[in-house]
Amino acid sequence: ARLAIVGAGGKTSAMFTIANALKQCNPLAGPVLLTTTTHLAVEQCA
């Protein structure tokens, strides 16, 4: 997956929900990489 998430109504929640699901599905497969081409709220980074 090389997934871009756009729009409104829960983008950041969707990104972290997807990432945690991928991590749980295959915990030994390595990390799930997240990033942004714009900005993120500092508190969301936690």
All heavy atoms as atom14 arrays in JSON, in Angstrom:
{
  "sequence": "ARLAIVGAGGKTSAMFTIANALKQCNPLAGPVLLTTTTHLAVEQCA",
  "atom14_mask": [
    [1, 1, 1, 1, 1, 0, 0, 0, 0, 0, 0, 0, 0, 0],
    [1, 1, 1, 1, 1, 1, 1, 1, 1, 1, 1, 0, 0, 0],
    [1, 1, 1, 1, 1, 1, 1, 1, 0, 0, 0, 0, 0, 0],
    [1, 1, 1, 1, 1, 0, 0, 0, 0, 0, 0, 0, 0, 0],
    [1, 1, 1, 1, 1, 1, 1, 1, 0, 0, 0, 0, 0, 0],
    [1, 1, 1, 1, 1, 1, 1, 0, 0, 0, 0, 0, 0, 0],
    [1, 1, 1, 1, 0, 0, 0, 0, 0, 0, 0, 0, 0, 0],
    [1, 1, 1, 1, 1, 0, 0, 0, 0, 0, 0, 0, 0, 0],
    [1, 1, 1, 1, 0, 0, 0, 0, 0, 0, 0, 0, 0, 0],
    [1, 1, 1, 1, 0, 0, 0, 0, 0, 0, 0, 0, 0, 0],
    [1, 1, 1, 1, 1, 1, 1, 1, 1, 0, 0, 0, 0, 0],
    [1, 1, 1, 1, 1, 1, 1, 0, 0, 0, 0, 0, 0, 0],
    [1, 1, 1, 1, 1, 1, 0, 0, 0, 0, 0, 0, 0, 0],
    [1, 1, 1, 1, 1, 0, 0, 0, 0, 0, 0, 0, 0, 0],
    [1, 1, 1, 1, 1, 1, 1, 1, 0, 0, 0, 0, 0, 0],
    [1, 1, 1, 1, 1, 1, 1, 1, 1, 1, 1, 0, 0, 0],
    [1, 1, 1, 1, 1, 1, 1, 0, 0, 0, 0, 0, 0, 0],
    [1, 1, 1, 1, 1, 1, 1, 1, 0, 0, 0, 0, 0, 0],
    [1, 1, 1, 1, 1, 0, 0, 0, 0, 0, 0, 0, 0, 0],
    [1, 1, 1, 1, 1, 1, 1, 1, 0, 0, 0, 0, 0, 0],
    [1, 1, 1, 1, 1, 0, 0, 0, 0, 0, 0, 0, 0, 0],
    [1, 1, 1, 1, 1, 1, 1, 1, 0, 0, 0, 0, 0, 0],
    [1, 1, 1, 1, 1, 1, 1, 1, 1, 0, 0, 0, 0, 0],
    [1, 1, 1, 1, 1, 1, 1, 1, 1, 0, 0, 0, 0, 0],
    [1, 1, 1, 1, 1, 1, 0, 0, 0, 0, 0, 0, 0, 0],
    [1, 1, 1, 1, 1, 1, 1, 1, 0, 0, 0, 0, 0, 0],
    [1, 1, 1, 1, 1, 1, 1, 0, 0, 0, 0, 0, 0, 0],
    [1, 1, 1, 1, 1, 1, 1, 1, 0, 0, 0, 0, 0, 0],
    [1, 1, 1, 1, 1, 0, 0, 0, 0, 0, 0, 0, 0, 0],
    [1, 1, 1, 1, 0, 0, 0, 0, 0, 0, 0, 0, 0, 0],
    [1, 1, 1, 1, 1, 1, 1, 0, 0, 0, 0, 0, 0, 0],
    [1, 1, 1, 1, 1, 1, 1, 0, 0, 0, 0, 0, 0, 0],
    [1, 1, 1, 1, 1, 1, 1, 1, 0, 0, 0, 0, 0, 0],
    [1, 1, 1, 1, 1, 1, 1, 1, 0, 0, 0, 0, 0, 0],
    [1, 1, 1, 1, 1, 1, 1, 0, 0, 0, 0, 0, 0, 0],
    [1, 1, 1, 1, 1, 1, 1, 0, 0, 0, 0, 0, 0, 0],
    [1, 1, 1, 1, 1, 1, 1, 0, 0, 0, 0, 0, 0, 0],
    [1, 1, 1, 1, 1, 1, 1, 0, 0, 0, 0, 0, 0, 0],
    [1, 1, 1, 1, 1, 1, 1, 1, 1, 1, 0, 0, 0, 0],
    [1, 1, 1, 1, 1, 1, 1, 1, 0, 0, 0, 0, 0, 0],
    [1, 1, 1, 1, 1, 0, 0, 0, 0, 0, 0, 0, 0, 0],
    [1, 1, 1, 1, 1, 1, 1, 0, 0, 0, 0, 0, 0, 0],
    [1, 1, 1, 1, 1, 1, 1, 1, 1, 0, 0, 0, 0, 0],
    [1, 1, 1, 1, 1, 1, 1, 1, 1, 0, 0, 0, 0, 0],
    [1, 1, 1, 1, 1, 1, 0, 0, 0, 0, 0, 0, 0, 0],
    [1, 1, 1, 1, 1, 0, 0, 0, 0, 0, 0, 0, 0, 0]
  ],
  "atom14_positions": [
    [[0.83, -1.21, 0.0], [0.0, 0.0, 0.0], [0.86, 1.25, 0.0], [1.76, 1.41, 0.84], [-0.92, 0.01, 1.21], [0.0, 0.0, 0.0], [0.0, 0.0, 0.0], [0.0, 0.0, 0.0], [0.0, 0.0, 0.0], [0.0, 0.0, 0.0], [0.0, 0.0, 0.0], [0.0, 0.0, 0.0], [0.0, 0.0, 0.0], [0.0, 0.0, 0.0]],
    [[0.55, 2.14, -0.93], [1.1, 3.5, -0.96], [-0.12, 4.4, -1.02], [-0.54, 4.85, -2.08], [2.0, 3.7, -2.18], [3.05, 2.6, -2.38], [4.16, 2.68, -1.34], [5.15, 1.62, -1.5], [5.21, 0.54, -0.75], [4.34, 0.37, 0.24], [6.14, -0.37, -0.93], [0.0, 0.0, 0.0], [0.0, 0.0, 0.0], [0.0, 0.0, 0.0]],
    [[-0.72, 4.63, 0.15], [-2.06, 5.2, 0.24], [-2.02, 6.67, 0.62], [-1.41, 7.05, 1.63], [-2.87, 4.43, 1.3], [-4.26, 4.97, 1.62], [-5.21, 4.72, 0.45], [-4.82, 4.33, 2.89], [0.0, 0.0, 0.0], [0.0, 0.0, 0.0], [0.0, 0.0, 0.0], [0.0, 0.0, 0.0], [0.0, 0.0, 0.0], [0.0, 0.0, 0.0]],
    [[-2.68, 7.5, -0.17], [-2.9, 8.9, 0.17], [-4.32, 9.06, 0.71], [-5.27, 8.48, 0.16], [-2.69, 9.8, -1.03], [0.0, 0.0, 0.0], [0.0, 0.0, 0.0], [0.0, 0.0, 0.0], [0.0, 0.0, 0.0], [0.0, 0.0, 0.0], [0.0, 0.0, 0.0], [0.0, 0.0, 0.0], [0.0, 0.0, 0.0], [0.0, 0.0, 0.0]],
    [[-4.47, 9.85, 1.77], [-5.77, 10.08, 2.39], [-6.07, 11.58, 2.28], [-5.27, 12.41, 2.71], [-5.76, 9.64, 3.87], [-5.3, 8.18, 3.97], [-7.13, 9.8, 4.49], [-5.06, 7.71, 5.38], [0.0, 0.0, 0.0], [0.0, 0.0, 0.0], [0.0, 0.0, 0.0], [0.0, 0.0, 0.0], [0.0, 0.0, 0.0], [0.0, 0.0, 0.0]],
    [[-7.23, 11.9, 1.68], [-7.6, 13.29, 1.42], [-9.03, 13.51, 1.85], [-9.76, 12.58, 2.2], [-7.41, 13.64, -0.07], [-5.98, 13.4, -0.52], [-8.38, 12.84, -0.95], [0.0, 0.0, 0.0], [0.0, 0.0, 0.0], [0.0, 0.0, 0.0], [0.0, 0.0, 0.0], [0.0, 0.0, 0.0], [0.0, 0.0, 0.0], [0.0, 0.0, 0.0]],
    [[-9.44, 14.79, 1.81], [-10.83, 15.11, 2.13], [-10.98, 15.63, 3.55], [-10.13, 16.37, 4.06], [0.0, 0.0, 0.0], [0.0, 0.0, 0.0], [0.0, 0.0, 0.0], [0.0, 0.0, 0.0], [0.0, 0.0, 0.0], [0.0, 0.0, 0.0], [0.0, 0.0, 0.0], [0.0, 0.0, 0.0], [0.0, 0.0, 0.0], [0.0, 0.0, 0.0]],
    [[-12.07, 15.24, 4.21], [-12.4, 15.77, 5.53], [-13.22, 14.75, 6.29], [-13.58, 13.69, 5.76], [-13.18, 17.08, 5.39], [0.0, 0.0, 0.0], [0.0, 0.0, 0.0], [0.0, 0.0, 0.0], [0.0, 0.0, 0.0], [0.0, 0.0, 0.0], [0.0, 0.0, 0.0], [0.0, 0.0, 0.0], [0.0, 0.0, 0.0], [0.0, 0.0, 0.0]],
    [[-13.51, 15.05, 7.55], [-14.39, 14.18, 8.32], [-13.7, 12.98, 8.93], [-14.33, 11.95, 9.14], [0.0, 0.0, 0.0], [0.0, 0.0, 0.0], [0.0, 0.0, 0.0], [0.0, 0.0, 0.0], [0.0, 0.0, 0.0], [0.0, 0.0, 0.0], [0.0, 0.0, 0.0], [0.0, 0.0, 0.0], [0.0, 0.0, 0.0], [0.0, 0.0, 0.0]],
    [[-12.41, 13.12, 9.25], [-11.73, 12.03, 9.95], [-10.52, 11.47, 9.25], [-10.19, 10.29, 9.44], [0.0, 0.0, 0.0], [0.0, 0.0, 0.0], [0.0, 0.0, 0.0], [0.0, 0.0, 0.0], [0.0, 0.0, 0.0], [0.0, 0.0, 0.0], [0.0, 0.0, 0.0], [0.0, 0.0, 0.0], [0.0, 0.0, 0.0], [0.0, 0.0, 0.0]],
    [[-9.82, 12.29, 8.45], [-8.64, 11.8, 7.73], [-7.57, 11.26, 8.66], [-7.05, 10.15, 8.47], [-8.01, 12.92, 6.89], [-8.68, 13.24, 5.62], [-7.79, 14.08, 4.72], [-7.14, 15.24, 5.43], [-8.1, 16.24, 5.91], [0.0, 0.0, 0.0], [0.0, 0.0, 0.0], [0.0, 0.0, 0.0], [0.0, 0.0, 0.0], [0.0, 0.0, 0.0]],
    [[-7.2, 12.05, 9.67], [-6.12, 11.63, 10.55], [-6.53, 10.41, 11.37], [-5.73, 9.48, 11.56], [-5.7, 12.79, 11.48], [-5.38, 13.93, 10.68], [-4.49, 12.4, 12.31], [0.0, 0.0, 0.0], [0.0, 0.0, 0.0], [0.0, 0.0, 0.0], [0.0, 0.0, 0.0], [0.0, 0.0, 0.0], [0.0, 0.0, 0.0], [0.0, 0.0, 0.0]],
    [[-7.77, 10.39, 11.83], [-8.26, 9.2, 12.53], [-8.19, 7.98, 11.63], [-7.79, 6.89, 12.06], [-9.7, 9.42, 12.99], [-9.78, 10.46, 13.94], [0.0, 0.0, 0.0], [0.0, 0.0, 0.0], [0.0, 0.0, 0.0], [0.0, 0.0, 0.0], [0.0, 0.0, 0.0], [0.0, 0.0, 0.0], [0.0, 0.0, 0.0], [0.0, 0.0, 0.0]],
    [[-8.57, 8.16, 10.36], [-8.51, 7.04, 9.41], [-7.08, 6.58, 9.22], [-6.81, 5.37, 9.19], [-9.11, 7.46, 8.08], [0.0, 0.0, 0.0], [0.0, 0.0, 0.0], [0.0, 0.0, 0.0], [0.0, 0.0, 0.0], [0.0, 0.0, 0.0], [0.0, 0.0, 0.0], [0.0, 0.0, 0.0], [0.0, 0.0, 0.0], [0.0, 0.0, 0.0]],
    [[-6.14, 7.51, 9.1], [-4.75, 7.13, 8.88], [-4.21, 6.29, 10.03], [-3.6, 5.23, 9.81], [-3.88, 8.39, 8.68], [-2.41, 8.06, 8.4], [-1.44, 9.5, 7.88], [-1.37, 10.43, 9.42], [0.0, 0.0, 0.0], [0.0, 0.0, 0.0], [0.0, 0.0, 0.0], [0.0, 0.0, 0.0], [0.0, 0.0, 0.0], [0.0, 0.0, 0.0]],
    [[-4.45, 6.72, 11.27], [-3.93, 5.96, 12.41], [-4.72, 4.66, 12.61], [-4.14, 3.65, 13.03], [-3.95, 6.83, 13.67], [-2.8, 7.8, 13.73], [-2.99, 9.14, 13.46], [-1.52, 7.37, 14.06], [-1.94, 10.05, 13.51], [-0.46, 8.26, 14.13], [-0.67, 9.6, 13.84], [0.0, 0.0, 0.0], [0.0, 0.0, 0.0], [0.0, 0.0, 0.0]],
    [[-6.01, 4.67, 12.31], [-6.8, 3.43, 12.41], [-6.27, 2.39, 11.43], [-6.11, 1.2, 11.77], [-8.28, 3.73, 12.13], [-8.78, 4.64, 13.11], [-9.11, 2.45, 12.18], [0.0, 0.0, 0.0], [0.0, 0.0, 0.0], [0.0, 0.0, 0.0], [0.0, 0.0, 0.0], [0.0, 0.0, 0.0], [0.0, 0.0, 0.0], [0.0, 0.0, 0.0]],
    [[-6.01, 2.81, 10.2], [-5.47, 1.89, 9.19], [-4.09, 1.39, 9.61], [-3.79, 0.19, 9.51], [-5.38, 2.59, 7.82], [-6.77, 2.92, 7.3], [-4.63, 1.72, 6.82], [-6.76, 3.89, 6.13], [0.0, 0.0, 0.0], [0.0, 0.0, 0.0], [0.0, 0.0, 0.0], [0.0, 0.0, 0.0], [0.0, 0.0, 0.0], [0.0, 0.0, 0.0]],
    [[-3.24, 2.3, 10.08], [-1.89, 1.91, 10.46], [-1.89, 0.88, 11.58], [-1.16, -0.12, 11.53], [-1.11, 3.15, 10.88], [0.0, 0.0, 0.0], [0.0, 0.0, 0.0], [0.0, 0.0, 0.0], [0.0, 0.0, 0.0], [0.0, 0.0, 0.0], [0.0, 0.0, 0.0], [0.0, 0.0, 0.0], [0.0, 0.0, 0.0], [0.0, 0.0, 0.0]],
    [[-2.71, 1.08, 12.58], [-2.77, 0.13, 13.69], [-3.36, -1.21, 13.25], [-2.93, -2.27, 13.72], [-3.58, 0.72, 14.85], [-2.77, 1.73, 15.64], [-1.71, 1.43, 16.17], [-3.27, 2.96, 15.71], [0.0, 0.0, 0.0], [0.0, 0.0, 0.0], [0.0, 0.0, 0.0], [0.0, 0.0, 0.0], [0.0, 0.0, 0.0], [0.0, 0.0, 0.0]],
    [[-4.3, -1.17, 12.32], [-4.86, -2.42, 11.8], [-3.8, -3.2, 11.03], [-3.69, -4.43, 11.17], [-6.06, -2.13, 10.91], [0.0, 0.0, 0.0], [0.0, 0.0, 0.0], [0.0, 0.0, 0.0], [0.0, 0.0, 0.0], [0.0, 0.0, 0.0], [0.0, 0.0, 0.0], [0.0, 0.0, 0.0], [0.0, 0.0, 0.0], [0.0, 0.0, 0.0]],
    [[-3.01, -2.5, 10.2], [-1.94, -3.17, 9.47], [-0.91, -3.76, 10.42], [-0.4, -4.87, 10.22], [-1.27, -2.19, 8.5], [-2.06, -1.82, 7.25], [-1.39, -0.66, 6.52], [-2.2, -3.02, 6.32], [0.0, 0.0, 0.0], [0.0, 0.0, 0.0], [0.0, 0.0, 0.0], [0.0, 0.0, 0.0], [0.0, 0.0, 0.0], [0.0, 0.0, 0.0]],
    [[-0.6, -3.02, 11.48], [0.37, -3.51, 12.48], [-0.15, -4.77, 13.16], [0.59, -5.75, 13.35], [0.64, -2.42, 13.51], [1.62, -2.84, 14.61], [1.86, -1.71, 15.59], [0.67, -1.47, 16.49], [0.98, -0.51, 17.58], [0.0, 0.0, 0.0], [0.0, 0.0, 0.0], [0.0, 0.0, 0.0], [0.0, 0.0, 0.0], [0.0, 0.0, 0.0]],
    [[-1.43, -4.79, 13.5], [-2.0, -5.94, 14.2], [-2.15, -7.15, 13.28], [-2.0, -8.29, 13.72], [-3.36, -5.56, 14.78], [-3.27, -4.54, 15.91], [-4.62, -3.93, 16.26], [-5.66, -4.38, 15.78], [-4.61, -2.9, 17.09], [0.0, 0.0, 0.0], [0.0, 0.0, 0.0], [0.0, 0.0, 0.0], [0.0, 0.0, 0.0], [0.0, 0.0, 0.0]],
    [[-2.42, -6.9, 11.99], [-2.59, -8.01, 11.05], [-1.29, -8.78, 10.84], [-1.32, -9.99, 10.63], [-3.11, -7.5, 9.71], [-4.83, -6.98, 9.73], [0.0, 0.0, 0.0], [0.0, 0.0, 0.0], [0.0, 0.0, 0.0], [0.0, 0.0, 0.0], [0.0, 0.0, 0.0], [0.0, 0.0, 0.0], [0.0, 0.0, 0.0], [0.0, 0.0, 0.0]],
    [[-0.17, -8.07, 10.88], [1.12, -8.7, 10.6], [2.2, -8.04, 11.44], [3.02, -7.27, 10.94], [1.45, -8.6, 9.11], [2.53, -9.57, 8.7], [3.14, -10.23, 9.54], [2.79, -9.66, 7.41], [0.0, 0.0, 0.0], [0.0, 0.0, 0.0], [0.0, 0.0, 0.0], [0.0, 0.0, 0.0], [0.0, 0.0, 0.0], [0.0, 0.0, 0.0]],
    [[2.23, -8.33, 12.74], [3.13, -7.61, 13.64], [4.61, -7.84, 13.36], [5.45, -7.06, 13.81], [2.74, -8.15, 15.02], [2.1, -9.47, 14.76], [1.4, -9.32, 13.44], [0.0, 0.0, 0.0], [0.0, 0.0, 0.0], [0.0, 0.0, 0.0], [0.0, 0.0, 0.0], [0.0, 0.0, 0.0], [0.0, 0.0, 0.0], [0.0, 0.0, 0.0]],
    [[4.96, -8.89, 12.63], [6.37, -9.19, 12.35], [6.83, -8.68, 10.99], [7.96, -8.93, 10.6], [6.59, -10.71, 12.43], [6.23, -11.37, 13.77], [6.49, -12.87, 13.69], [7.04, -10.75, 14.91], [0.0, 0.0, 0.0], [0.0, 0.0, 0.0], [0.0, 0.0, 0.0], [0.0, 0.0, 0.0], [0.0, 0.0, 0.0], [0.0, 0.0, 0.0]],
    [[5.95, -7.96, 10.29], [6.27, -7.56, 8.92], [7.09, -6.28, 8.85], [7.48, -5.86, 7.76], [4.99, -7.38, 8.13], [0.0, 0.0, 0.0], [0.0, 0.0, 0.0], [0.0, 0.0, 0.0], [0.0, 0.0, 0.0], [0.0, 0.0, 0.0], [0.0, 0.0, 0.0], [0.0, 0.0, 0.0], [0.0, 0.0, 0.0], [0.0, 0.0, 0.0]],
    [[7.37, -5.63, 9.96], [8.09, -4.37, 9.93], [7.15, -3.21, 10.21], [5.95, -3.4, 10.44], [0.0, 0.0, 0.0], [0.0, 0.0, 0.0], [0.0, 0.0, 0.0], [0.0, 0.0, 0.0], [0.0, 0.0, 0.0], [0.0, 0.0, 0.0], [0.0, 0.0, 0.0], [0.0, 0.0, 0.0], [0.0, 0.0, 0.0], [0.0, 0.0, 0.0]],
    [[7.66, -1.99, 10.18], [6.85, -0.84, 10.55], [5.85, -0.44, 9.47], [5.96, -0.84, 8.31], [7.9, 0.26, 10.74], [8.99, -0.11, 9.79], [9.05, -1.61, 9.83], [0.0, 0.0, 0.0], [0.0, 0.0, 0.0], [0.0, 0.0, 0.0], [0.0, 0.0, 0.0], [0.0, 0.0, 0.0], [0.0, 0.0, 0.0], [0.0, 0.0, 0.0]],
    [[4.87, 0.34, 9.9], [3.96, 1.02, 8.99], [4.38, 2.48, 8.99], [4.38, 3.13, 10.04], [2.5, 0.87, 9.45], [1.56, 1.57, 8.45], [2.13, -0.59, 9.61], [0.0, 0.0, 0.0], [0.0, 0.0, 0.0], [0.0, 0.0, 0.0], [0.0, 0.0, 0.0], [0.0, 0.0, 0.0], [0.0, 0.0, 0.0], [0.0, 0.0, 0.0]],
    [[4.75, 3.01, 7.82], [5.27, 4.37, 7.72], [4.15, 5.36, 7.44], [3.33, 5.14, 6.53], [6.33, 4.46, 6.62], [7.48, 3.45, 6.69], [8.5, 3.74, 5.58], [8.15, 3.46, 8.06], [0.0, 0.0, 0.0], [0.0, 0.0, 0.0], [0.0, 0.0, 0.0], [0.0, 0.0, 0.0], [0.0, 0.0, 0.0], [0.0, 0.0, 0.0]],
    [[4.1, 6.44, 8.22], [3.11, 7.5, 8.06], [3.83, 8.81, 7.82], [4.92, 9.05, 8.37], [2.26, 7.64, 9.32], [1.01, 6.76, 9.48], [1.37, 5.29, 9.41], [0.3, 7.06, 10.78], [0.0, 0.0, 0.0], [0.0, 0.0, 0.0], [0.0, 0.0, 0.0], [0.0, 0.0, 0.0], [0.0, 0.0, 0.0], [0.0, 0.0, 0.0]],
    [[3.2, 9.67, 7.01], [3.75, 10.99, 6.79], [2.65, 11.91, 6.27], [1.48, 11.51, 6.18], [4.95, 10.95, 5.83], [5.59, 12.23, 5.8], [4.54, 10.54, 4.42], [0.0, 0.0, 0.0], [0.0, 0.0, 0.0], [0.0, 0.0, 0.0], [0.0, 0.0, 0.0], [0.0, 0.0, 0.0], [0.0, 0.0, 0.0], [0.0, 0.0, 0.0]],
    [[3.01, 13.13, 5.94], [2.05, 14.1, 5.43], [2.72, 15.0, 4.41], [3.93, 15.27, 4.51], [1.46, 14.94, 6.57], [0.54, 15.91, 6.02], [2.54, 15.68, 7.34], [0.0, 0.0, 0.0], [0.0, 0.0, 0.0], [0.0, 0.0, 0.0], [0.0, 0.0, 0.0], [0.0, 0.0, 0.0], [0.0, 0.0, 0.0], [0.0, 0.0, 0.0]],
    [[1.95, 15.44, 3.43], [2.47, 16.43, 2.48], [2.05, 17.84, 2.87], [2.38, 18.79, 2.18], [1.94, 16.13, 1.06], [0.51, 16.12, 1.08], [2.46, 14.79, 0.56], [0.0, 0.0, 0.0], [0.0, 0.0, 0.0], [0.0, 0.0, 0.0], [0.0, 0.0, 0.0], [0.0, 0.0, 0.0], [0.0, 0.0, 0.0], [0.0, 0.0, 0.0]],
    [[1.29, 17.96, 3.98], [0.86, 19.29, 4.43], [1.27, 19.5, 5.88], [2.42, 19.74, 6.17], [-0.66, 19.45, 4.26], [-1.33, 18.37, 4.93], [-1.04, 19.42, 2.79], [0.0, 0.0, 0.0], [0.0, 0.0, 0.0], [0.0, 0.0, 0.0], [0.0, 0.0, 0.0], [0.0, 0.0, 0.0], [0.0, 0.0, 0.0], [0.0, 0.0, 0.0]],
    [[0.32, 19.43, 6.82], [0.6, 19.63, 8.24], [-0.21, 18.62, 9.06], [-1.22, 18.1, 8.6], [0.22, 21.04, 8.7], [0.92, 22.14, 7.98], [0.49, 22.63, 6.77], [2.05, 22.84, 8.3], [1.31, 23.6, 6.37], [2.25, 23.75, 7.28], [0.0, 0.0, 0.0], [0.0, 0.0, 0.0], [0.0, 0.0, 0.0], [0.0, 0.0, 0.0]],
    [[0.25, 18.38, 10.27], [-0.52, 17.61, 11.25], [-0.56, 18.41, 12.55], [0.39, 19.12, 12.89], [0.14, 16.26, 11.52], [-0.01, 15.15, 10.47], [0.79, 13.93, 10.91], [-1.46, 14.78, 10.28], [0.0, 0.0, 0.0], [0.0, 0.0, 0.0], [0.0, 0.0, 0.0], [0.0, 0.0, 0.0], [0.0, 0.0, 0.0], [0.0, 0.0, 0.0]],
    [[-1.66, 18.28, 13.29], [-1.72, 18.87, 14.62], [-0.69, 18.18, 15.51], [-0.55, 16.95, 15.47], [-3.11, 18.74, 15.21], [0.0, 0.0, 0.0], [0.0, 0.0, 0.0], [0.0, 0.0, 0.0], [0.0, 0.0, 0.0], [0.0, 0.0, 0.0], [0.0, 0.0, 0.0], [0.0, 0.0, 0.0], [0.0, 0.0, 0.0], [0.0, 0.0, 0.0]],
    [[0.03, 18.95, 16.29], [1.11, 18.39, 17.12], [0.58, 17.3, 18.04], [1.2, 16.25, 18.21], [1.79, 19.51, 17.93], [2.77, 18.91, 18.94], [2.51, 20.48, 17.0], [0.0, 0.0, 0.0], [0.0, 0.0, 0.0], [0.0, 0.0, 0.0], [0.0, 0.0, 0.0], [0.0, 0.0, 0.0], [0.0, 0.0, 0.0], [0.0, 0.0, 0.0]],
    [[-0.62, 17.51, 18.63], [-1.14, 16.51, 19.57], [-1.5, 15.2, 18.87], [-1.49, 14.14, 19.48], [-2.36, 17.06, 20.33], [-3.57, 17.36, 19.47], [-3.6, 18.8, 18.97], [-2.54, 19.46, 18.99], [-4.68, 19.26, 18.56], [0.0, 0.0, 0.0], [0.0, 0.0, 0.0], [0.0, 0.0, 0.0], [0.0, 0.0, 0.0], [0.0, 0.0, 0.0]],
    [[-1.8, 15.27, 17.57], [-2.12, 14.05, 16.84], [-0.89, 13.15, 16.64], [-1.03, 11.93, 16.51], [-2.74, 14.39, 15.48], [-4.11, 15.04, 15.57], [-4.63, 15.5, 14.23], [-3.87, 15.97, 13.38], [-5.94, 15.38, 14.02], [0.0, 0.0, 0.0], [0.0, 0.0, 0.0], [0.0, 0.0, 0.0], [0.0, 0.0, 0.0], [0.0, 0.0, 0.0]],
    [[0.26, 13.74, 16.64], [1.49, 12.97, 16.41], [1.73, 11.94, 17.52], [2.42, 10.93, 17.3], [2.69, 13.89, 16.31], [2.62, 15.06, 14.93], [0.0, 0.0, 0.0], [0.0, 0.0, 0.0], [0.0, 0.0, 0.0], [0.0, 0.0, 0.0], [0.0, 0.0, 0.0], [0.0, 0.0, 0.0], [0.0, 0.0, 0.0], [0.0, 0.0, 0.0]],
    [[1.16, 12.18, 18.7], [1.37, 11.26, 19.82], [0.72, 9.91, 19.59], [1.01, 8.95, 20.32], [0.83, 11.9, 21.1], [0.0, 0.0, 0.0], [0.0, 0.0, 0.0], [0.0, 0.0, 0.0], [0.0, 0.0, 0.0], [0.0, 0.0, 0.0], [0.0, 0.0, 0.0], [0.0, 0.0, 0.0], [0.0, 0.0, 0.0], [0.0, 0.0, 0.0]]
  ]
}
